[in-house]
């Protein structure tokens, strides 16, 4: 998911460079949504991993 966020960020930068502002804004919005979705899933998995490790150790 982080890979796709970076891909859309690059698309946004290239489109902005060539003056396609509508495409650039759309790609940047998609990249932002994917990044925050990745961040939320990462934090949930991190907490679940710590809870699982704590349950095994304790």
N, C-alpha and C. Protein backbone atom coordinates (compact mmCIF):
# COMPACT_ATOMS: atom_id res chain seq x y z
N UNK A 1 0.82 -1.19 0.00
CA UNK A 1 0.00 0.00 0.00
C UNK A 1 0.87 1.25 0.00
N UNK A 2 1.95 1.21 0.73
CA UNK A 2 2.87 2.35 0.73
C UNK A 2 3.47 2.53 -0.66
N UNK A 3 3.70 1.42 -1.34
CA UNK A 3 4.23 1.48 -2.71
C UNK A 3 3.28 2.25 -3.62
N UNK A 4 1.97 1.97 -3.52
CA UNK A 4 1.00 2.66 -4.36
C UNK A 4 0.90 4.13 -3.99
N UNK A 5 1.04 4.46 -2.71
CA UNK A 5 1.03 5.87 -2.31
C UNK A 5 2.19 6.61 -2.95
N UNK A 6 3.36 5.99 -2.98
CA UNK A 6 4.53 6.61 -3.59
C UNK A 6 4.35 6.74 -5.10
N UNK A 7 3.74 5.73 -5.72
CA UNK A 7 3.48 5.78 -7.16
C UNK A 7 2.56 6.95 -7.50
N UNK A 8 1.49 7.11 -6.74
CA UNK A 8 0.57 8.21 -7.00
C UNK A 8 1.21 9.56 -6.69
N UNK A 9 2.10 9.61 -5.72
CA UNK A 9 2.83 10.85 -5.45
C UNK A 9 3.71 11.23 -6.63
N UNK A 10 4.40 10.27 -7.20
CA UNK A 10 5.24 10.54 -8.37
C UNK A 10 4.39 10.97 -9.56
N UNK A 11 3.25 10.31 -9.76
CA UNK A 11 2.34 10.72 -10.84
C UNK A 11 1.88 12.15 -10.63
N UNK A 12 1.57 12.49 -9.39
CA UNK A 12 1.14 13.85 -9.08
C UNK A 12 2.23 14.87 -9.37
N UNK A 13 3.46 14.55 -9.00
CA UNK A 13 4.56 15.47 -9.24
C UNK A 13 4.84 15.66 -10.73
N UNK A 14 4.81 14.57 -11.48
CA UNK A 14 5.05 14.66 -12.92
C UNK A 14 3.92 15.42 -13.61
N UNK A 15 2.68 15.13 -13.23
CA UNK A 15 1.55 15.83 -13.82
C UNK A 15 1.60 17.32 -13.49
N UNK A 16 1.97 17.66 -12.27
CA UNK A 16 2.10 19.07 -11.89
C UNK A 16 3.22 19.76 -12.65
N UNK A 17 4.28 19.04 -12.90
CA UNK A 17 5.41 19.60 -13.65
C UNK A 17 5.00 19.97 -15.08
N UNK A 18 4.14 19.15 -15.68
CA UNK A 18 3.70 19.40 -17.05
C UNK A 18 2.43 20.26 -17.13
N UNK A 19 1.91 20.69 -15.99
CA UNK A 19 0.77 21.61 -15.99
C UNK A 19 -0.59 20.97 -15.93
N UNK A 20 -0.66 19.68 -15.71
CA UNK A 20 -1.95 19.00 -15.58
C UNK A 20 -2.39 19.07 -14.12
N UNK A 21 -2.93 20.23 -13.73
CA UNK A 21 -3.21 20.45 -12.31
C UNK A 21 -4.35 19.57 -11.79
N UNK A 22 -5.35 19.30 -12.62
CA UNK A 22 -6.46 18.46 -12.18
C UNK A 22 -6.01 17.05 -11.88
N UNK A 23 -5.22 16.50 -12.77
CA UNK A 23 -4.68 15.14 -12.56
C UNK A 23 -3.75 15.14 -11.36
N UNK A 24 -2.97 16.20 -11.22
CA UNK A 24 -2.03 16.30 -10.12
C UNK A 24 -2.74 16.32 -8.77
N UNK A 25 -3.81 17.12 -8.69
CA UNK A 25 -4.57 17.19 -7.43
C UNK A 25 -5.23 15.86 -7.10
N UNK A 26 -5.78 15.21 -8.12
CA UNK A 26 -6.43 13.91 -7.89
C UNK A 26 -5.43 12.86 -7.43
N UNK A 27 -4.28 12.80 -8.09
CA UNK A 27 -3.27 11.82 -7.71
C UNK A 27 -2.72 12.10 -6.31
N UNK A 28 -2.56 13.38 -5.99
CA UNK A 28 -2.07 13.73 -4.65
C UNK A 28 -3.10 13.34 -3.58
N UNK A 29 -4.37 13.53 -3.88
CA UNK A 29 -5.42 13.13 -2.94
C UNK A 29 -5.44 11.63 -2.70
N UNK A 30 -5.31 10.88 -3.78
CA UNK A 30 -5.27 9.42 -3.67
C UNK A 30 -4.04 8.99 -2.87
N UNK A 31 -2.90 9.61 -3.15
CA UNK A 31 -1.66 9.27 -2.42
C UNK A 31 -1.82 9.56 -0.94
N UNK A 32 -2.45 10.67 -0.61
CA UNK A 32 -2.65 11.03 0.79
C UNK A 32 -3.55 10.02 1.50
N UNK A 33 -4.64 9.63 0.85
CA UNK A 33 -5.56 8.65 1.44
C UNK A 33 -4.86 7.31 1.64
N UNK A 34 -4.12 6.85 0.63
CA UNK A 34 -3.42 5.58 0.75
C UNK A 34 -2.36 5.61 1.84
N UNK A 35 -1.66 6.74 1.97
CA UNK A 35 -0.64 6.84 3.00
C UNK A 35 -1.25 6.75 4.40
N UNK A 36 -2.35 7.49 4.63
CA UNK A 36 -2.96 7.45 5.95
C UNK A 36 -3.60 6.09 6.24
N UNK A 37 -4.13 5.45 5.21
CA UNK A 37 -4.65 4.10 5.38
C UNK A 37 -3.53 3.13 5.75
N UNK A 38 -2.39 3.26 5.05
CA UNK A 38 -1.22 2.44 5.39
C UNK A 38 -0.78 2.70 6.83
N UNK A 39 -0.75 3.96 7.24
CA UNK A 39 -0.31 4.31 8.58
C UNK A 39 -1.23 3.71 9.65
N UNK A 40 -2.53 3.77 9.42
CA UNK A 40 -3.48 3.21 10.38
C UNK A 40 -3.32 1.70 10.48
N UNK A 41 -3.22 1.03 9.34
CA UNK A 41 -3.06 -0.43 9.35
C UNK A 41 -1.74 -0.82 10.01
N UNK A 42 -0.67 -0.06 9.73
CA UNK A 42 0.62 -0.33 10.35
C UNK A 42 0.54 -0.21 11.87
N UNK A 43 -0.10 0.83 12.37
CA UNK A 43 -0.20 1.01 13.82
C UNK A 43 -1.04 -0.08 14.48
N UNK A 44 -2.12 -0.48 13.82
CA UNK A 44 -2.95 -1.56 14.36
C UNK A 44 -2.16 -2.86 14.42
N UNK A 45 -1.44 -3.17 13.37
CA UNK A 45 -0.64 -4.40 13.36
C UNK A 45 0.50 -4.34 14.38
N UNK A 46 1.08 -3.16 14.57
CA UNK A 46 2.13 -3.00 15.56
C UNK A 46 1.59 -3.26 16.97
N UNK A 47 0.43 -2.71 17.29
CA UNK A 47 -0.17 -2.93 18.60
C UNK A 47 -0.54 -4.41 18.78
N UNK A 48 -1.12 -5.01 17.75
CA UNK A 48 -1.48 -6.43 17.85
C UNK A 48 -0.24 -7.31 18.00
N UNK A 49 0.84 -6.94 17.34
CA UNK A 49 2.09 -7.68 17.48
C UNK A 49 2.64 -7.61 18.89
N UNK A 50 2.58 -6.42 19.49
CA UNK A 50 3.06 -6.28 20.87
C UNK A 50 2.17 -7.04 21.85
N UNK A 51 0.87 -7.02 21.59
CA UNK A 51 -0.05 -7.75 22.47
C UNK A 51 0.20 -9.25 22.35
N UNK A 52 0.44 -9.74 21.15
CA UNK A 52 0.70 -11.16 20.96
C UNK A 52 2.01 -11.57 21.59
N UNK A 53 3.05 -10.75 21.46
CA UNK A 53 4.35 -11.06 22.04
C UNK A 53 4.27 -11.02 23.58
N UNK A 54 3.48 -10.11 24.08
CA UNK A 54 3.31 -10.00 25.53
C UNK A 54 2.55 -11.23 26.07
N UNK A 55 1.57 -11.70 25.34
CA UNK A 55 0.79 -12.86 25.79
C UNK A 55 1.64 -14.13 25.78
N UNK A 56 2.53 -14.25 24.82
CA UNK A 56 3.41 -15.44 24.74
C UNK A 56 4.45 -15.41 25.84
N UNK A 57 5.02 -14.22 26.10
CA UNK A 57 6.08 -14.09 27.11
C UNK A 57 5.52 -14.19 28.52
N UNK A 58 4.29 -13.75 28.72
CA UNK A 58 3.74 -13.70 30.07
C UNK A 58 2.90 -14.84 30.40
